[in-house]
Amino acid sequence: MNGRWVRGAALAVARHPALWPTAAGQLLRLARPGWWRRWPPVPAPDEAYLRFRLQTAYGDPDRPPEPADVVTYLRWCRSTRDLLR
């Protein structure tokens, strides 16, 4: 994962405090199993999963996600979670 797009996404999410709990939950849900045992202990998604999602979203597994798309995804996650309640 490229640090530049991660910072851009983090800044975009930081502007939406209502999405912070959703972002934290998704970060942990998508993290590689046993992420805390690898250095650095960052709950990042599996690289193959992330490439697959980027391929299906943008048609290019090497294209970084747009920060606005990350916010839209988190809004969708929050709305579907609310539907399940």
N, C-alpha and C. Protein backbone atom coordinates (compact mmCIF):
# COMPACT_ATOMS: atom_id res chain seq x y z
N MET A 1 0.84 -1.18 0.00
CA MET A 1 0.00 0.00 0.00
C MET A 1 0.88 1.24 0.00
N ASN A 2 0.56 2.13 -0.87
CA ASN A 2 1.30 3.37 -1.00
C ASN A 2 0.86 4.34 0.10
N GLY A 3 1.82 4.88 0.81
CA GLY A 3 1.52 5.79 1.91
C GLY A 3 0.81 7.06 1.48
N ARG A 4 1.01 7.49 0.25
CA ARG A 4 0.39 8.73 -0.23
C ARG A 4 -1.13 8.60 -0.27
N TRP A 5 -1.63 7.52 -0.86
CA TRP A 5 -3.09 7.41 -0.93
C TRP A 5 -3.69 7.12 0.44
N VAL A 6 -2.96 6.44 1.30
CA VAL A 6 -3.45 6.18 2.65
C VAL A 6 -3.61 7.50 3.40
N ARG A 7 -2.62 8.38 3.27
CA ARG A 7 -2.72 9.69 3.91
C ARG A 7 -3.89 10.50 3.34
N GLY A 8 -4.07 10.46 2.02
CA GLY A 8 -5.18 11.17 1.40
C GLY A 8 -6.52 10.65 1.87
N ALA A 9 -6.64 9.33 1.97
CA ALA A 9 -7.88 8.74 2.45
C ALA A 9 -8.11 9.08 3.92
N ALA A 10 -7.05 9.03 4.71
CA ALA A 10 -7.18 9.36 6.14
C ALA A 10 -7.62 10.81 6.33
N LEU A 11 -7.06 11.71 5.53
CA LEU A 11 -7.48 13.11 5.62
C LEU A 11 -8.94 13.29 5.21
N ALA A 12 -9.36 12.58 4.18
CA ALA A 12 -10.76 12.67 3.74
C ALA A 12 -11.70 12.15 4.82
N VAL A 13 -11.33 11.04 5.45
CA VAL A 13 -12.17 10.47 6.51
C VAL A 13 -12.14 11.36 7.75
N ALA A 14 -11.00 12.00 8.01
CA ALA A 14 -10.88 12.87 9.19
C ALA A 14 -11.88 14.03 9.13
N ARG A 15 -12.28 14.42 7.93
CA ARG A 15 -13.25 15.50 7.78
C ARG A 15 -14.69 15.07 8.08
N HIS A 16 -14.88 13.77 8.34
CA HIS A 16 -16.21 13.22 8.58
C HIS A 16 -16.21 12.41 9.89
N PRO A 17 -16.24 13.09 11.03
CA PRO A 17 -16.16 12.39 12.32
C PRO A 17 -17.23 11.30 12.51
N ALA A 18 -18.38 11.47 11.89
CA ALA A 18 -19.43 10.45 12.01
C ALA A 18 -19.00 9.12 11.39
N LEU A 19 -18.01 9.15 10.51
CA LEU A 19 -17.54 7.93 9.86
C LEU A 19 -16.37 7.27 10.59
N TRP A 20 -15.84 7.92 11.61
CA TRP A 20 -14.68 7.36 12.30
C TRP A 20 -14.93 5.97 12.88
N PRO A 21 -16.04 5.73 13.57
CA PRO A 21 -16.27 4.37 14.08
C PRO A 21 -16.39 3.35 12.94
N THR A 22 -17.04 3.73 11.87
CA THR A 22 -17.17 2.83 10.72
C THR A 22 -15.81 2.54 10.12
N ALA A 23 -14.98 3.57 9.98
CA ALA A 23 -13.63 3.39 9.42
C ALA A 23 -12.80 2.46 10.29
N ALA A 24 -12.87 2.64 11.59
CA ALA A 24 -12.11 1.77 12.50
C ALA A 24 -12.61 0.33 12.40
N GLY A 25 -13.92 0.16 12.35
CA GLY A 25 -14.49 -1.19 12.23
C GLY A 25 -14.08 -1.86 10.93
N GLN A 26 -14.13 -1.12 9.82
CA GLN A 26 -13.75 -1.69 8.53
C GLN A 26 -12.26 -2.01 8.48
N LEU A 27 -11.47 -1.16 9.08
CA LEU A 27 -10.04 -1.40 9.11
C LEU A 27 -9.74 -2.74 9.81
N LEU A 28 -10.41 -2.99 10.91
CA LEU A 28 -10.19 -4.24 11.63
C LEU A 28 -10.83 -5.43 10.91
N ARG A 29 -11.99 -5.24 10.29
CA ARG A 29 -12.63 -6.35 9.56
C ARG A 29 -11.82 -6.79 8.35
N LEU A 30 -11.19 -5.85 7.67
CA LEU A 30 -10.46 -6.17 6.45
C LEU A 30 -9.00 -6.51 6.69
N ALA A 31 -8.54 -6.36 7.91
CA ALA A 31 -7.13 -6.62 8.22
C ALA A 31 -6.78 -8.09 8.01
N ARG A 32 -5.53 -8.31 7.61
CA ARG A 32 -5.04 -9.68 7.47
C ARG A 32 -5.16 -10.40 8.80
N PRO A 33 -5.52 -11.67 8.77
CA PRO A 33 -5.54 -12.44 10.02
C PRO A 33 -4.14 -12.43 10.66
N GLY A 34 -4.10 -12.22 11.96
CA GLY A 34 -2.84 -12.21 12.69
C GLY A 34 -1.99 -10.99 12.40
N TRP A 35 -2.60 -9.89 11.99
CA TRP A 35 -1.85 -8.68 11.62
C TRP A 35 -0.95 -8.19 12.74
N TRP A 36 -1.33 -8.44 13.98
CA TRP A 36 -0.56 -7.95 15.13
C TRP A 36 0.75 -8.72 15.31
N ARG A 37 0.90 -9.87 14.62
CA ARG A 37 2.12 -10.66 14.74
C ARG A 37 3.17 -10.29 13.72
N ARG A 38 2.81 -9.45 12.74
CA ARG A 38 3.76 -9.05 11.70
C ARG A 38 4.24 -7.62 11.97
N TRP A 39 5.48 -7.36 11.58
CA TRP A 39 6.02 -6.01 11.77
C TRP A 39 5.91 -5.25 10.45
N PRO A 40 5.48 -4.05 10.44
CA PRO A 40 4.90 -3.31 11.56
C PRO A 40 3.47 -3.77 11.83
N PRO A 41 3.05 -3.76 13.09
CA PRO A 41 1.72 -4.26 13.43
C PRO A 41 0.62 -3.26 13.05
N VAL A 42 0.29 -3.26 11.77
CA VAL A 42 -0.72 -2.35 11.23
C VAL A 42 -1.86 -3.19 10.67
N PRO A 43 -3.10 -2.91 11.04
CA PRO A 43 -4.23 -3.72 10.54
C PRO A 43 -4.58 -3.36 9.09
N ALA A 44 -3.70 -3.75 8.17
CA ALA A 44 -3.89 -3.46 6.75
C ALA A 44 -4.53 -4.66 6.06
N PRO A 45 -5.30 -4.40 5.00
CA PRO A 45 -5.88 -5.51 4.26
C PRO A 45 -4.80 -6.32 3.55
N ASP A 46 -5.11 -7.56 3.27
CA ASP A 46 -4.21 -8.40 2.50
C ASP A 46 -3.98 -7.76 1.14
N GLU A 47 -2.75 -7.77 0.69
CA GLU A 47 -2.39 -7.11 -0.58
C GLU A 47 -3.18 -7.69 -1.76
N ALA A 48 -3.35 -9.00 -1.79
CA ALA A 48 -4.10 -9.63 -2.90
C ALA A 48 -5.57 -9.18 -2.88
N TYR A 49 -6.16 -9.10 -1.69
CA TYR A 49 -7.55 -8.64 -1.59
C TYR A 49 -7.66 -7.19 -2.07
N LEU A 50 -6.74 -6.34 -1.64
CA LEU A 50 -6.77 -4.94 -2.03
C LEU A 50 -6.61 -4.80 -3.55
N ARG A 51 -5.71 -5.56 -4.14
CA ARG A 51 -5.53 -5.51 -5.60
C ARG A 51 -6.81 -5.96 -6.31
N PHE A 52 -7.46 -7.00 -5.80
CA PHE A 52 -8.72 -7.46 -6.39
C PHE A 52 -9.78 -6.38 -6.33
N ARG A 53 -9.91 -5.73 -5.17
CA ARG A 53 -10.92 -4.68 -5.02
C ARG A 53 -10.63 -3.49 -5.93
N LEU A 54 -9.36 -3.13 -6.08
CA LEU A 54 -9.00 -2.03 -6.97
C LEU A 54 -9.25 -2.41 -8.43
N GLN A 55 -9.00 -3.66 -8.77
CA GLN A 55 -9.28 -4.13 -10.14
C GLN A 55 -10.77 -4.05 -10.43
N THR A 56 -11.60 -4.48 -9.49
CA THR A 56 -13.04 -4.46 -9.73
C THR A 56 -13.62 -3.05 -9.68
N ALA A 57 -13.01 -2.17 -8.92
CA ALA A 57 -13.53 -0.81 -8.80
C ALA A 57 -13.06 0.09 -9.94
N TYR A 58 -11.78 -0.02 -10.31
CA TYR A 58 -11.19 0.92 -11.27
C TYR A 58 -10.70 0.27 -12.56
N GLY A 59 -10.70 -1.07 -12.60
CA GLY A 59 -10.16 -1.75 -13.78
C GLY A 59 -8.65 -1.80 -13.81
N ASP A 60 -8.02 -1.40 -12.73
CA ASP A 60 -6.56 -1.38 -12.65
C ASP A 60 -6.15 -1.64 -11.21
N PRO A 61 -5.49 -2.77 -10.96
CA PRO A 61 -5.13 -3.09 -9.57
C PRO A 61 -4.04 -2.19 -9.00
N ASP A 62 -3.40 -1.40 -9.85
CA ASP A 62 -2.33 -0.52 -9.38
C ASP A 62 -2.78 0.92 -9.19
N ARG A 63 -4.04 1.20 -9.50
CA ARG A 63 -4.56 2.56 -9.34
C ARG A 63 -4.97 2.78 -7.90
N PRO A 64 -4.46 3.83 -7.28
CA PRO A 64 -4.86 4.09 -5.89
C PRO A 64 -6.31 4.57 -5.83
N PRO A 65 -7.01 4.22 -4.77
CA PRO A 65 -8.40 4.67 -4.64
C PRO A 65 -8.47 6.17 -4.40
N GLU A 66 -9.51 6.76 -4.90
CA GLU A 66 -9.75 8.18 -4.67
C GLU A 66 -10.21 8.37 -3.23
N PRO A 67 -9.72 9.39 -2.54
CA PRO A 67 -10.16 9.63 -1.16
C PRO A 67 -11.69 9.77 -1.06
N ALA A 68 -12.31 10.41 -2.03
CA ALA A 68 -13.77 10.55 -2.00
C ALA A 68 -14.46 9.20 -2.12
N ASP A 69 -13.86 8.27 -2.86
CA ASP A 69 -14.43 6.93 -2.97
C ASP A 69 -14.34 6.17 -1.64
N VAL A 70 -13.29 6.41 -0.90
CA VAL A 70 -13.16 5.79 0.42
C VAL A 70 -14.27 6.29 1.34
N VAL A 71 -14.54 7.58 1.30
CA VAL A 71 -15.62 8.16 2.12
C VAL A 71 -16.97 7.58 1.68
N THR A 72 -17.19 7.49 0.38
CA THR A 72 -18.44 6.91 -0.14
C THR A 72 -18.59 5.47 0.30
N TYR A 73 -17.51 4.69 0.25
CA TYR A 73 -17.54 3.30 0.70
C TYR A 73 -17.90 3.21 2.18
N LEU A 74 -17.31 4.07 2.99
CA LEU A 74 -17.60 4.04 4.43
C LEU A 74 -19.05 4.45 4.70
N ARG A 75 -19.57 5.39 3.95
CA ARG A 75 -20.99 5.75 4.10
C ARG A 75 -21.87 4.56 3.75
N TRP A 76 -21.51 3.86 2.69
CA TRP A 76 -22.27 2.67 2.31
C TRP A 76 -22.20 1.61 3.41
N CYS A 77 -21.01 1.38 3.96
CA CYS A 77 -20.86 0.41 5.05
C CYS A 77 -21.74 0.78 6.24
N ARG A 78 -21.73 2.06 6.59
CA ARG A 78 -22.54 2.52 7.72
C ARG A 78 -24.02 2.34 7.43
N SER A 79 -24.46 2.65 6.22
CA SER A 79 -25.88 2.53 5.89
C SER A 79 -26.33 1.08 5.87
N THR A 80 -25.49 0.16 5.38
CA THR A 80 -25.90 -1.24 5.37
C THR A 80 -25.87 -1.82 6.78
N ARG A 81 -24.95 -1.35 7.61
CA ARG A 81 -24.94 -1.81 9.00
C ARG A 81 -26.20 -1.36 9.72
N ASP A 82 -26.62 -0.13 9.44
CA ASP A 82 -27.84 0.39 10.07
C ASP A 82 -29.07 -0.38 9.61
N LEU A 83 -29.07 -0.89 8.38
CA LEU A 83 -30.19 -1.68 7.89
C LEU A 83 -30.32 -3.01 8.62
N LEU A 84 -29.20 -3.53 9.06
CA LEU A 84 -29.19 -4.84 9.74
C LEU A 84 -29.64 -4.77 11.18
N ARG A 85 -29.79 -3.57 11.70
CA ARG A 85 -30.19 -3.43 13.10
C ARG A 85 -31.67 -3.61 13.26
